Amino acid sequence: MSEPAANLETLVAEAVGAASAASSSALNDDSAVAVNSQLNRPLYQSRIKVQPKLVHGTFRRIKWLVMALTLSIYYVTPFIRWNRGPGMPDQAVLLDFPARRFYFFFLEIWPQEFYYVTGLLILAALGLFLATSVAGRVWCGYTCPQTVWTDLFVFVERLFEGDRSARIRLDKEGWSLSKLARKAGKHVVWLLIAILTGGAWVFYFADAPTLATQMVTFSAPITAYIFVGLFTATTYTLGGIAREQVCIYMCPWPRIQGAMFDEESLLVSYKDDRGEKRGPHKKGSSWEGRGDCIDCGQCVAACPMGIDIRDGMQLECIQCALCIDACDEIMDKVGRPRGLIGYDTLNNRERRKAGEPLRFRIIRPRTIVYAVALLVVSAAMLIALANRQTLQLNVLRDRNPLFVTLSDGSIRNGYGIKIINKDTAAHVFHVAIQGPEGASLAGISAEEANPTEVEIGPDALKNVRFYVSLPKDRLSALDGGLAKLSFVVTDETGRRTVSETTFRGPAQ
């Protein structure tokens, strides 16, 4: 390093040292202590266990109802029967991977029709967007599987360990036979629920009554036990142990939902214009010069996420509205109007401050866009279902060789065709061609009396091969060695389908 550069570096170092010394001396003792405290804080804070309190009210009753309804649907659906005809599975909802079929009551989805599943997923997404733009994370608060099973696990925990205060005391107590029995009983029931949850899920992939019998008699396939074990472990961990951490750290929706909100979205909110200035209140004292919030903390105690709704809209809030029930109960006790915490909009908050009348605008550009998109996709799905064909035909022309010149000078092409019979009854299909004049169709199998007649069972497909020949004196019909050719398949009921392909020959 050159001498001028070294001198410059020395001067800079001295200046930085002098500035640091000056700033340190300028700090008083309290500031220095605060700075040191911040520097010594751990980078990771251990989880503070959330113990939600049981509340009573409208939204809690709605959550009980939704939980009972959704769990009933989940556990019962695999056992619902649906008659599809002889030889067909009679399970209403069945994801039959070995047969490559998805059955949803009257709808049967083949691999070629997977776009129906795509359409259902799009409908679900648009419905979620619409619900979120109207009422926030109402899906998260009521119908999300994580919320439903967490609610169920907390219900079981409450049965064994009591409500919030009792659970907190029990956790602080030393180990005893009573505590051990309560904790063990809770975890045993949690495991039973988790096992039933995993078992119900695998029932969607096989005949439920048959698989249930096999599971009990230990004769089920090993893969069934493996997946039941996986779903048991995830349900037990996510619903019983992790709980709110799943919503905060694992789920991406809290970070996406902000794009769905606007100033007219109904969100669970604390009305600070009415609640502040908050503080304890004694019975019989005046409410003049203060707000309605008595700072009791019941809204925090009731929150399954452990947050304070009075701090404003937060990523952790799942909009379950239990804080509304908790606050309304306190307002009734102190003789103040309900609704200190309630569904509100950002615009209504500003309207209250300005003394303007409140308005709730559910119909607005954002919701109109989502609703129209939902209707368009629904209409497209219904049209596709209405025009769904129960007979399909796929034709694949041989590419090696492209054509064969026979001894009499005629040209022959080979074709493999796949006929799909989606009907619940067997049918005999007649295969014919429409193409160059003079072309003839012949089946490859000489053992069949009429190779152009193909019998296919219900809900089945069949691959057959045919030859199409064009006499030598008809080769002029080829344009550059190419001619259009169509395979026509009909059955005895009049169902008909056509698939276009080409006939190849030597270029003239």
Protein backbone atom coordinates (compact mmCIF):
# COMPACT_ATOMS: atom_id res chain seq x y z
CA MET A 1 0.00 0.00 0.00
CA SER A 2 1.35 3.47 -0.87
CA GLU A 3 2.20 5.95 1.92
CA PRO A 4 -0.61 8.50 1.08
CA ALA A 5 -3.21 5.71 1.10
CA ALA A 6 -1.94 4.38 4.41
CA ASN A 7 -2.08 7.86 5.96
CA LEU A 8 -5.65 8.31 4.67
CA GLU A 9 -6.72 4.97 6.16
CA THR A 10 -5.19 5.95 9.51
CA LEU A 11 -7.02 9.29 9.52
CA VAL A 12 -10.34 7.58 8.76
CA ALA A 13 -9.86 5.05 11.55
CA GLU A 14 -9.01 7.80 14.04
CA ALA A 15 -12.09 9.80 13.00
CA VAL A 16 -14.38 6.80 13.40
CA GLY A 17 -12.91 6.02 16.80
CA ALA A 18 -13.34 9.60 17.95
CA ALA A 19 -16.95 9.66 16.77
CA SER A 20 -17.71 6.40 18.57
CA ALA A 21 -16.16 7.69 21.78
CA ALA A 22 -18.11 10.93 21.53
CA SER A 23 -21.40 9.15 20.93
CA SER A 24 -20.77 6.75 23.81
CA SER A 25 -20.02 9.54 26.21
CA ALA A 26 -23.16 11.35 25.08
CA LEU A 27 -25.36 8.47 26.14
CA ASN A 28 -26.62 8.66 29.68
CA ASP A 29 -26.68 5.58 31.88
CA ASP A 30 -30.33 4.71 31.12
CA SER A 31 -29.73 4.86 27.35
CA ALA A 32 -26.65 2.68 27.66
CA VAL A 33 -28.58 0.10 29.63
CA ALA A 34 -31.37 0.12 27.00
CA VAL A 35 -28.88 -0.34 24.16
CA ASN A 36 -27.13 -3.21 25.95
CA SER A 37 -30.49 -4.81 26.66
CA GLN A 38 -31.42 -4.71 22.97
CA LEU A 39 -28.05 -6.16 21.96
CA ASN A 40 -28.36 -9.02 24.44
CA ARG A 41 -31.89 -10.05 23.41
CA PRO A 42 -32.06 -13.59 21.97
CA LEU A 43 -32.72 -13.95 18.28
CA TYR A 44 -35.36 -16.61 18.93
CA GLN A 45 -38.17 -16.33 21.48
CA SER A 46 -39.71 -19.53 22.80
CA ARG A 47 -43.36 -20.07 22.06
CA ILE A 48 -45.81 -18.79 24.66
CA LYS A 49 -48.55 -21.42 24.81
CA VAL A 50 -51.97 -20.05 23.89
CA GLN A 51 -54.77 -21.20 26.18
CA PRO A 52 -58.02 -19.84 24.69
CA LYS A 53 -60.94 -19.31 27.05
CA LEU A 54 -64.38 -20.73 26.32
CA VAL A 55 -66.85 -18.00 25.46
CA HIS A 56 -70.58 -18.11 24.80
CA GLY A 57 -72.40 -16.20 22.12
CA THR A 58 -73.58 -16.07 18.53
CA PHE A 59 -70.24 -16.66 16.84
CA ARG A 60 -69.23 -19.45 19.20
CA ARG A 61 -72.51 -21.22 18.42
CA ILE A 62 -71.87 -20.78 14.69
CA LYS A 63 -68.41 -22.30 15.11
CA TRP A 64 -69.86 -25.29 17.02
CA LEU A 65 -72.40 -25.81 14.22
CA VAL A 66 -69.81 -25.51 11.44
CA MET A 67 -67.43 -27.85 13.25
CA ALA A 68 -70.15 -30.49 13.69
CA LEU A 69 -71.27 -30.15 10.07
CA THR A 70 -67.82 -30.25 8.47
CA LEU A 71 -66.61 -33.16 10.62
CA SER A 72 -69.78 -35.11 9.85
CA ILE A 73 -69.30 -34.56 6.12
CA TYR A 74 -65.66 -35.65 6.32
CA TYR A 75 -66.22 -38.81 8.34
CA VAL A 76 -69.54 -39.95 6.80
CA THR A 77 -69.06 -39.19 3.09
CA PRO A 78 -66.94 -42.30 2.25
CA PHE A 79 -69.78 -44.53 3.48
CA ILE A 80 -72.50 -42.92 1.35
CA ARG A 81 -73.64 -45.28 -1.41
CA TRP A 82 -74.53 -44.33 -5.02
CA ASN A 83 -75.95 -46.86 -7.48
CA ARG A 84 -74.10 -46.70 -10.80
CA GLY A 85 -75.26 -50.01 -12.24
CA PRO A 86 -73.94 -53.56 -12.27
CA GLY A 87 -70.19 -53.98 -11.98
CA MET A 88 -69.66 -50.33 -11.03
CA PRO A 89 -68.42 -49.07 -7.64
CA ASP A 90 -71.29 -47.90 -5.47
CA GLN A 91 -69.33 -45.46 -3.30
CA ALA A 92 -70.60 -41.92 -3.79
CA VAL A 93 -67.16 -40.26 -3.55
CA LEU A 94 -64.27 -42.46 -4.63
CA LEU A 95 -60.80 -41.60 -5.91
CA ASP A 96 -60.06 -44.87 -7.67
CA PHE A 97 -56.44 -44.54 -8.79
CA PRO A 98 -55.96 -48.19 -9.89
CA ALA A 99 -58.93 -47.86 -12.28
CA ARG A 100 -58.00 -44.24 -13.11
CA ARG A 101 -61.44 -42.92 -12.22
CA PHE A 102 -62.72 -40.24 -9.87
CA TYR A 103 -66.35 -40.68 -8.81
CA PHE A 104 -68.33 -37.77 -7.34
CA PHE A 105 -71.95 -38.89 -6.98
CA PHE A 106 -73.41 -38.66 -10.52
CA LEU A 107 -70.13 -37.46 -12.06
CA GLU A 108 -67.43 -39.83 -13.24
CA ILE A 109 -64.12 -38.25 -14.20
CA TRP A 110 -61.77 -40.08 -16.55
CA PRO A 111 -58.09 -39.13 -16.99
CA GLN A 112 -59.04 -37.34 -20.24
CA GLU A 113 -61.51 -35.22 -18.28
CA PHE A 114 -59.24 -33.95 -15.54
CA TYR A 115 -60.17 -30.44 -16.58
CA TYR A 116 -63.29 -30.91 -14.43
CA VAL A 117 -61.03 -31.12 -11.36
CA THR A 118 -59.21 -28.02 -12.56
CA GLY A 119 -62.55 -26.24 -12.90
CA LEU A 120 -63.57 -27.24 -9.37
CA LEU A 121 -60.27 -25.90 -8.00
CA ILE A 122 -60.77 -22.61 -9.87
CA LEU A 123 -64.31 -22.35 -8.46
CA ALA A 124 -62.98 -22.98 -4.95
CA ALA A 125 -60.31 -20.29 -5.37
CA LEU A 126 -62.75 -17.72 -6.74
CA GLY A 127 -65.22 -18.51 -3.95
CA LEU A 128 -62.45 -17.98 -1.40
CA PHE A 129 -61.47 -14.67 -3.01
CA LEU A 130 -65.09 -13.48 -2.97
CA ALA A 131 -65.67 -14.50 0.66
CA THR A 132 -62.41 -12.84 1.73
CA SER A 133 -63.20 -9.57 -0.04
CA VAL A 134 -66.62 -9.48 1.66
CA ALA A 135 -65.86 -10.70 5.20
CA GLY A 136 -62.12 -11.18 5.58
CA ARG A 137 -60.66 -14.54 6.57
CA VAL A 138 -64.05 -16.09 7.26
CA TRP A 139 -62.76 -19.34 5.71
CA CYS A 140 -59.86 -19.43 8.18
CA GLY A 141 -62.05 -18.68 11.16
CA TYR A 142 -64.75 -21.27 10.51
CA THR A 143 -64.15 -23.91 7.83
CA CYS A 144 -60.39 -24.33 7.41
CA PRO A 145 -59.46 -27.93 8.41
CA GLN A 146 -56.72 -26.60 10.69
CA THR A 147 -59.28 -24.45 12.53
CA VAL A 148 -61.88 -27.22 12.74
CA TRP A 149 -59.53 -29.85 14.15
CA THR A 150 -57.84 -27.37 16.48
CA ASP A 151 -61.27 -26.45 17.84
CA LEU A 152 -61.99 -30.15 18.37
CA PHE A 153 -58.67 -30.76 20.11
CA VAL A 154 -59.15 -27.72 22.39
CA PHE A 155 -62.64 -29.02 23.23
CA VAL A 156 -61.11 -32.35 24.32
CA GLU A 157 -58.39 -30.53 26.26
CA ARG A 158 -61.04 -28.51 28.07
CA LEU A 159 -62.90 -31.70 29.05
CA PHE A 160 -59.81 -33.15 30.73
CA GLU A 161 -58.04 -30.06 32.08
CA GLY A 162 -60.75 -27.44 32.50
CA ASP A 163 -61.06 -23.96 31.06
CA ARG A 164 -58.25 -21.48 30.49
CA SER A 165 -57.39 -20.57 34.08
CA ALA A 166 -57.52 -24.21 35.20
CA ARG A 167 -55.23 -25.29 32.34
CA ILE A 168 -52.73 -22.57 33.14
CA ARG A 169 -52.67 -23.60 36.81
CA LEU A 170 -52.29 -27.25 35.86
CA ASP A 171 -49.30 -26.49 33.63
CA LYS A 172 -47.61 -24.61 36.49
CA GLU A 173 -48.22 -27.37 39.05
CA GLY A 174 -45.73 -30.11 39.72
CA TRP A 175 -46.32 -33.58 38.39
CA SER A 176 -48.82 -35.71 40.30
CA LEU A 177 -51.00 -38.73 39.57
CA SER A 178 -53.95 -36.44 38.91
CA LYS A 179 -52.00 -34.28 36.46
CA LEU A 180 -50.50 -37.34 34.77
CA ALA A 181 -53.96 -38.92 34.37
CA ARG A 182 -55.44 -35.72 32.91
CA LYS A 183 -52.58 -35.19 30.46
CA ALA A 184 -52.47 -38.85 29.44
CA GLY A 185 -56.24 -39.01 28.92
CA LYS A 186 -56.16 -35.91 26.74
CA HIS A 187 -53.37 -37.24 24.53
CA VAL A 188 -55.02 -40.65 24.20
CA VAL A 189 -58.24 -39.05 22.92
CA TRP A 190 -56.19 -36.79 20.63
CA LEU A 191 -54.53 -39.88 19.17
CA LEU A 192 -57.88 -41.62 18.69
CA ILE A 193 -59.23 -38.57 16.82
CA ALA A 194 -56.07 -38.44 14.72
CA ILE A 195 -56.35 -42.15 13.88
CA LEU A 196 -59.99 -41.74 12.88
CA THR A 197 -59.03 -38.74 10.76
CA GLY A 198 -56.30 -40.64 8.95
CA GLY A 199 -58.53 -43.68 8.55
CA ALA A 200 -61.38 -41.62 7.12
CA TRP A 201 -59.03 -40.08 4.55
CA VAL A 202 -57.83 -43.41 3.14
CA PHE A 203 -61.47 -44.53 2.86
CA TYR A 204 -61.86 -42.04 0.02
CA PHE A 205 -59.41 -44.10 -2.06
CA ALA A 206 -61.00 -47.56 -1.70
CA ASP A 207 -64.36 -49.09 -0.88
CA ALA A 208 -64.86 -47.77 2.65
CA PRO A 209 -66.76 -50.66 4.30
CA THR A 210 -64.41 -53.25 2.81
CA LEU A 211 -61.27 -51.33 3.77
CA ALA A 212 -62.62 -50.64 7.27
CA THR A 213 -63.13 -54.38 7.81
CA GLN A 214 -59.64 -55.11 6.49
CA MET A 215 -58.11 -52.45 8.74
CA VAL A 216 -59.74 -53.94 11.84
CA THR A 217 -58.77 -57.53 10.92
CA PHE A 218 -55.22 -56.42 9.95
CA SER A 219 -55.62 -57.71 6.40
CA ALA A 220 -55.50 -54.33 4.64
CA PRO A 221 -52.64 -53.44 2.27
CA ILE A 222 -49.53 -52.17 4.03
CA THR A 223 -49.82 -48.86 2.16
CA ALA A 224 -53.16 -48.21 3.89
CA TYR A 225 -51.54 -48.52 7.32
CA ILE A 226 -48.62 -46.34 6.24
CA PHE A 227 -50.88 -43.51 5.09
CA VAL A 228 -53.12 -43.80 8.14
CA GLY A 229 -49.98 -43.44 10.25
CA LEU A 230 -48.83 -40.38 8.28
CA PHE A 231 -52.20 -38.64 8.53
CA THR A 232 -52.46 -39.58 12.21
CA ALA A 233 -49.08 -37.99 12.94
CA THR A 234 -49.86 -34.80 11.00
CA THR A 235 -53.33 -34.39 12.53
CA TYR A 236 -52.03 -34.96 16.06
CA THR A 237 -49.10 -32.57 15.55
CA LEU A 238 -50.86 -29.78 13.69
CA GLY A 239 -54.19 -29.84 15.54
CA GLY A 240 -52.97 -30.69 19.02
CA ILE A 241 -49.40 -29.44 19.37
CA ALA A 242 -48.69 -26.73 16.77
CA ARG A 243 -52.14 -25.12 16.63
CA GLU A 244 -51.82 -21.38 15.94
CA GLN A 245 -48.24 -21.79 14.70
CA VAL A 246 -49.58 -23.49 11.58
CA CYS A 247 -51.65 -20.42 10.73
CA ILE A 248 -48.86 -17.97 11.52
CA TYR A 249 -45.79 -19.67 10.07
CA MET A 250 -46.85 -22.49 7.74
CA CYS A 251 -49.95 -21.22 5.92
CA PRO A 252 -49.34 -18.80 3.01
CA TRP A 253 -52.89 -17.43 3.02
CA PRO A 254 -52.36 -14.77 5.74
CA ARG A 255 -49.72 -13.20 3.49
CA ILE A 256 -51.94 -13.34 0.39
CA GLN A 257 -55.21 -12.18 1.94
CA GLY A 258 -54.16 -8.53 2.04
CA ALA A 259 -54.61 -8.33 -1.71
CA MET A 260 -58.28 -9.33 -1.31
CA PHE A 261 -59.21 -6.65 1.23
CA ASP A 262 -60.30 -3.09 0.55
CA GLU A 263 -61.78 -0.21 2.57
CA GLU A 264 -65.26 -1.79 2.45
CA SER A 265 -64.32 -5.31 3.57
CA LEU A 266 -66.07 -6.40 6.76
CA LEU A 267 -63.36 -7.24 9.30
CA VAL A 268 -63.45 -8.04 12.99
CA SER A 269 -62.32 -4.73 14.51
CA TYR A 270 -62.03 -2.89 17.79
CA LYS A 271 -63.83 0.46 17.64
CA ASP A 272 -61.20 2.61 19.30
CA ASP A 273 -63.24 5.77 18.70
CA ARG A 274 -65.71 4.34 21.21
CA GLY A 275 -63.42 2.30 23.43
CA GLU A 276 -60.65 4.80 24.19
CA LYS A 277 -59.57 6.02 26.62
CA ARG A 278 -59.64 2.56 28.17
CA GLY A 279 -59.15 1.61 31.80
CA PRO A 280 -60.70 -0.22 34.76
CA HIS A 281 -64.17 0.81 35.77
CA LYS A 282 -65.85 0.60 39.16
CA LYS A 283 -69.53 -0.11 39.48
CA GLY A 284 -71.55 3.07 39.93
CA SER A 285 -68.82 5.42 38.69
CA SER A 286 -69.37 7.77 35.75
CA TRP A 287 -68.52 6.95 32.15
CA GLU A 288 -67.83 10.59 31.33
CA GLY A 289 -64.40 11.37 29.89
CA ARG A 290 -63.48 7.77 29.14
CA GLY A 291 -64.20 4.98 26.67
CA ASP A 292 -66.26 1.81 27.01
CA CYS A 293 -63.25 -0.55 27.12
CA ILE A 294 -62.58 -1.52 30.74
CA ASP A 295 -59.28 -3.21 29.79
CA CYS A 296 -60.43 -6.58 31.13
CA GLY A 297 -58.43 -8.57 28.57
CA GLN A 298 -61.24 -11.03 27.89
CA CYS A 299 -60.91 -10.51 24.13
CA VAL A 300 -57.26 -11.61 24.40
CA ALA A 301 -58.12 -14.57 26.63
CA ALA A 302 -60.72 -15.80 24.11
CA CYS A 303 -58.47 -15.48 21.05
CA PRO A 304 -57.17 -18.85 19.76
CA MET A 305 -54.24 -16.99 18.21
CA GLY A 306 -53.30 -15.17 21.42
CA ILE A 307 -53.43 -11.67 19.92
CA ASP A 308 -54.98 -8.41 21.10
CA ILE A 309 -57.61 -7.25 18.59
CA ARG A 310 -57.30 -3.75 20.06
CA ASP A 311 -53.89 -3.44 18.36
CA GLY A 312 -55.62 -3.30 14.97
CA MET A 313 -55.66 -5.63 11.98
CA GLN A 314 -52.92 -8.26 12.30
CA LEU A 315 -51.57 -11.07 10.17
CA GLU A 316 -52.32 -13.61 12.90
CA CYS A 317 -56.04 -12.79 13.15
CA ILE A 318 -58.20 -15.53 11.61
CA GLN A 319 -61.43 -13.52 11.96
CA CYS A 320 -63.11 -16.18 14.12
CA ALA A 321 -65.03 -13.41 15.95
CA LEU A 322 -64.76 -15.08 19.36
CA CYS A 323 -63.45 -11.78 20.72
CA ILE A 324 -66.84 -10.26 19.76
CA ASP A 325 -68.66 -12.77 21.97
CA ALA A 326 -66.21 -12.20 24.82
CA CYS A 327 -66.53 -8.40 24.63
CA ASP A 328 -70.32 -8.43 24.25
CA GLU A 329 -70.58 -10.52 27.41
CA ILE A 330 -68.55 -7.92 29.34
CA MET A 331 -70.54 -5.04 27.88
CA ASP A 332 -73.74 -6.69 29.12
CA LYS A 333 -72.26 -6.96 32.62
CA VAL A 334 -71.17 -3.31 32.80
CA GLY A 335 -74.32 -1.99 31.17
CA ARG A 336 -72.79 -0.64 27.98
CA PRO A 337 -74.01 -1.23 24.40
CA ARG A 338 -72.73 -4.29 22.57
CA GLY A 339 -70.52 -3.98 19.50
CA LEU A 340 -67.36 -2.45 20.95
CA ILE A 341 -65.67 -5.24 18.98
CA GLY A 342 -67.55 -6.22 15.86
CA TYR A 343 -67.51 -6.49 12.11
CA ASP A 344 -66.54 -3.10 10.72
CA THR A 345 -64.96 -1.48 7.65
CA LEU A 346 -62.14 1.03 7.36
CA ASN A 347 -64.45 3.48 5.61
CA ASN A 348 -67.10 3.21 8.34
CA ARG A 349 -64.42 4.00 10.89
CA GLU A 350 -63.71 7.25 9.07
CA ARG A 351 -67.44 7.94 8.65
CA ARG A 352 -67.98 7.65 12.40
CA LYS A 353 -65.18 10.09 13.08
CA ALA A 354 -66.72 12.53 10.59
CA GLY A 355 -70.22 12.04 12.01
CA GLU A 356 -71.51 10.59 8.74
CA PRO A 357 -74.05 7.72 8.46
CA LEU A 358 -72.60 4.23 8.23
CA ARG A 359 -72.81 2.19 5.01
CA PHE A 360 -72.01 -1.42 4.16
CA ARG A 361 -71.22 -1.90 0.47
CA ILE A 362 -71.03 -5.59 -0.30
CA ILE A 363 -71.63 -4.95 -4.02
CA ARG A 364 -68.59 -3.08 -5.32
CA PRO A 365 -66.12 -3.47 -8.23
CA ARG A 366 -63.93 -6.03 -6.46
CA THR A 367 -66.79 -8.32 -5.46
CA ILE A 368 -68.48 -7.89 -8.83
CA VAL A 369 -65.32 -9.09 -10.62
CA TYR A 370 -65.02 -12.16 -8.40
CA ALA A 371 -68.75 -12.94 -8.65
CA VAL A 372 -68.77 -12.60 -12.46
CA ALA A 373 -65.68 -14.80 -12.77
CA LEU A 374 -67.36 -17.36 -10.50
CA LEU A 375 -70.49 -17.35 -12.64
CA VAL A 376 -68.52 -17.64 -15.90
CA VAL A 377 -66.51 -20.63 -14.71
CA SER A 378 -69.65 -22.25 -13.26
CA ALA A 379 -71.48 -21.76 -16.56
CA ALA A 380 -68.56 -23.25 -18.49
CA MET A 381 -68.54 -26.28 -16.18
CA LEU A 382 -72.30 -26.78 -16.53
CA ILE A 383 -72.13 -26.49 -20.33
CA ALA A 384 -69.28 -29.01 -20.41
CA LEU A 385 -71.27 -31.40 -18.22
CA ALA A 386 -74.42 -30.97 -20.31
CA ASN A 387 -72.49 -31.80 -23.50
CA ARG A 388 -70.41 -34.56 -21.97
CA GLN A 389 -70.24 -37.56 -24.31
CA THR A 390 -70.42 -41.12 -23.07
CA LEU A 391 -68.67 -42.37 -26.21
CA GLN A 392 -65.19 -41.24 -27.18
CA LEU A 393 -62.81 -42.27 -29.93
CA ASN A 394 -59.06 -41.74 -30.25
CA VAL A 395 -57.22 -42.69 -33.45
CA LEU A 396 -53.46 -43.00 -33.84
CA ARG A 397 -51.99 -43.70 -37.28
CA ASP A 398 -48.86 -45.87 -37.53
CA ARG A 399 -45.77 -43.77 -38.10
CA ASN A 400 -43.26 -46.54 -38.74
CA PRO A 401 -43.69 -47.31 -41.54
CA LEU A 402 -45.90 -44.47 -42.81
CA PHE A 403 -47.43 -46.80 -45.39
CA VAL A 404 -46.88 -50.22 -46.99
CA THR A 405 -47.04 -51.00 -50.73
CA LEU A 406 -48.70 -54.39 -51.24
CA SER A 407 -47.96 -56.88 -54.03
CA ASP A 408 -50.95 -55.70 -56.09
CA GLY A 409 -49.73 -52.09 -55.97
CA SER A 410 -52.30 -50.90 -53.40
CA ILE A 411 -51.26 -48.79 -50.39
CA ARG A 412 -52.02 -49.79 -46.83
CA ASN A 413 -51.94 -47.75 -43.59
CA GLY A 414 -52.21 -49.15 -40.06
CA TYR A 415 -54.27 -47.48 -37.32
CA GLY A 416 -54.67 -48.07 -33.61
CA ILE A 417 -58.00 -46.85 -32.25
CA LYS A 418 -59.21 -46.57 -28.69
CA ILE A 419 -62.96 -46.71 -28.08
CA ILE A 420 -64.14 -45.46 -24.66
CA ASN A 421 -67.56 -46.56 -23.46
CA LYS A 422 -68.56 -44.37 -20.47
CA ASP A 423 -72.05 -45.83 -20.29
CA THR A 424 -73.06 -48.15 -17.45
CA ALA A 425 -74.10 -50.85 -19.95
CA ALA A 426 -72.12 -52.94 -22.45
CA HIS A 427 -72.47 -52.07 -26.15
CA VAL A 428 -71.44 -53.41 -29.56
CA PHE A 429 -69.75 -50.73 -31.66
CA HIS A 430 -69.56 -50.72 -35.47
CA VAL A 431 -66.42 -49.20 -36.97
CA ALA A 432 -66.50 -47.63 -40.44
CA ILE A 433 -64.44 -45.15 -42.44
CA GLN A 434 -65.12 -42.11 -44.56
CA GLY A 435 -62.31 -41.03 -46.86
CA PRO A 436 -60.81 -41.54 -50.31
CA GLU A 437 -63.15 -43.28 -52.69
CA GLY A 438 -62.36 -46.98 -52.92
CA ALA A 439 -60.64 -47.20 -49.52
CA SER A 440 -61.45 -50.36 -47.58
CA LEU A 441 -61.29 -51.20 -43.88
CA ALA A 442 -60.07 -54.50 -42.51
CA GLY A 443 -59.51 -55.76 -38.98
CA ILE A 444 -56.12 -57.19 -38.09
CA SER A 445 -57.56 -60.21 -36.25
CA ALA A 446 -58.67 -62.85 -38.76
CA GLU A 447 -60.24 -64.97 -36.00
CA GLU A 448 -63.22 -62.66 -35.50
CA ALA A 449 -66.25 -63.18 -37.73
CA ASN A 450 -66.79 -59.45 -38.14
CA PRO A 451 -63.69 -57.55 -36.99
CA THR A 452 -65.42 -54.19 -37.53
CA GLU A 453 -67.86 -55.03 -34.68
CA VAL A 454 -66.29 -54.34 -31.29
CA GLU A 455 -67.96 -55.26 -27.99
CA ILE A 456 -67.01 -53.17 -24.97
CA GLY A 457 -68.20 -53.59 -21.40
CA PRO A 458 -69.68 -50.88 -19.18
CA ASP A 459 -67.39 -48.04 -18.12
CA ALA A 460 -64.52 -49.54 -20.09
CA LEU A 461 -62.27 -48.93 -23.06
CA LYS A 462 -60.77 -51.14 -25.71
CA ASN A 463 -57.81 -50.80 -28.04
CA VAL A 464 -58.18 -52.33 -31.51
CA ARG A 465 -56.14 -52.12 -34.71
CA PHE A 466 -57.29 -51.77 -38.30
CA TYR A 467 -55.82 -51.61 -41.76
CA VAL A 468 -57.06 -49.17 -44.39
CA SER A 469 -56.11 -49.98 -48.00
CA LEU A 470 -56.40 -47.89 -51.16
CA PRO A 471 -56.28 -49.66 -54.56
CA LYS A 472 -53.59 -48.73 -57.08
CA ASP A 473 -56.08 -47.20 -59.49
CA ARG A 474 -57.35 -44.82 -56.73
CA LEU A 475 -53.99 -43.39 -55.73
CA SER A 476 -54.77 -40.26 -57.75
CA ALA A 477 -57.04 -39.25 -54.85
CA LEU A 478 -53.92 -38.52 -52.83
CA ASP A 479 -52.86 -34.89 -52.84
CA GLY A 480 -49.10 -34.84 -52.38
CA GLY A 481 -49.33 -38.33 -50.88
CA LEU A 482 -51.97 -37.27 -48.37
CA ALA A 483 -55.75 -37.65 -48.03
CA LYS A 484 -58.26 -36.99 -45.26
CA LEU A 485 -59.72 -40.02 -43.51
CA SER A 486 -62.35 -40.29 -40.76
CA PHE A 487 -63.19 -43.19 -38.48
CA VAL A 488 -66.89 -43.42 -37.57
CA VAL A 489 -68.02 -45.48 -34.56
CA THR A 490 -71.70 -46.14 -33.81
CA ASP A 491 -73.55 -48.45 -31.42
CA GLU A 492 -76.95 -50.11 -31.46
CA THR A 493 -78.53 -47.20 -29.62
CA GLY A 494 -77.51 -44.68 -32.24
CA ARG A 495 -74.64 -43.08 -30.35
CA ARG A 496 -72.07 -41.90 -32.85
CA THR A 497 -68.62 -40.34 -32.74
CA VAL A 498 -66.12 -39.37 -35.43
CA SER A 499 -62.35 -38.91 -35.31
CA GLU A 500 -60.42 -37.41 -38.21
CA THR A 501 -56.97 -38.54 -39.27
CA THR A 502 -55.00 -38.87 -42.53
CA PHE A 503 -54.13 -41.54 -45.07
CA ARG A 504 -50.54 -41.49 -46.38
CA GLY A 505 -49.09 -42.79 -49.59
CA PRO A 506 -46.35 -42.05 -52.14
CA ALA A 507 -46.27 -38.50 -53.50
CA GLN A 508 -47.56 -38.49 -57.07
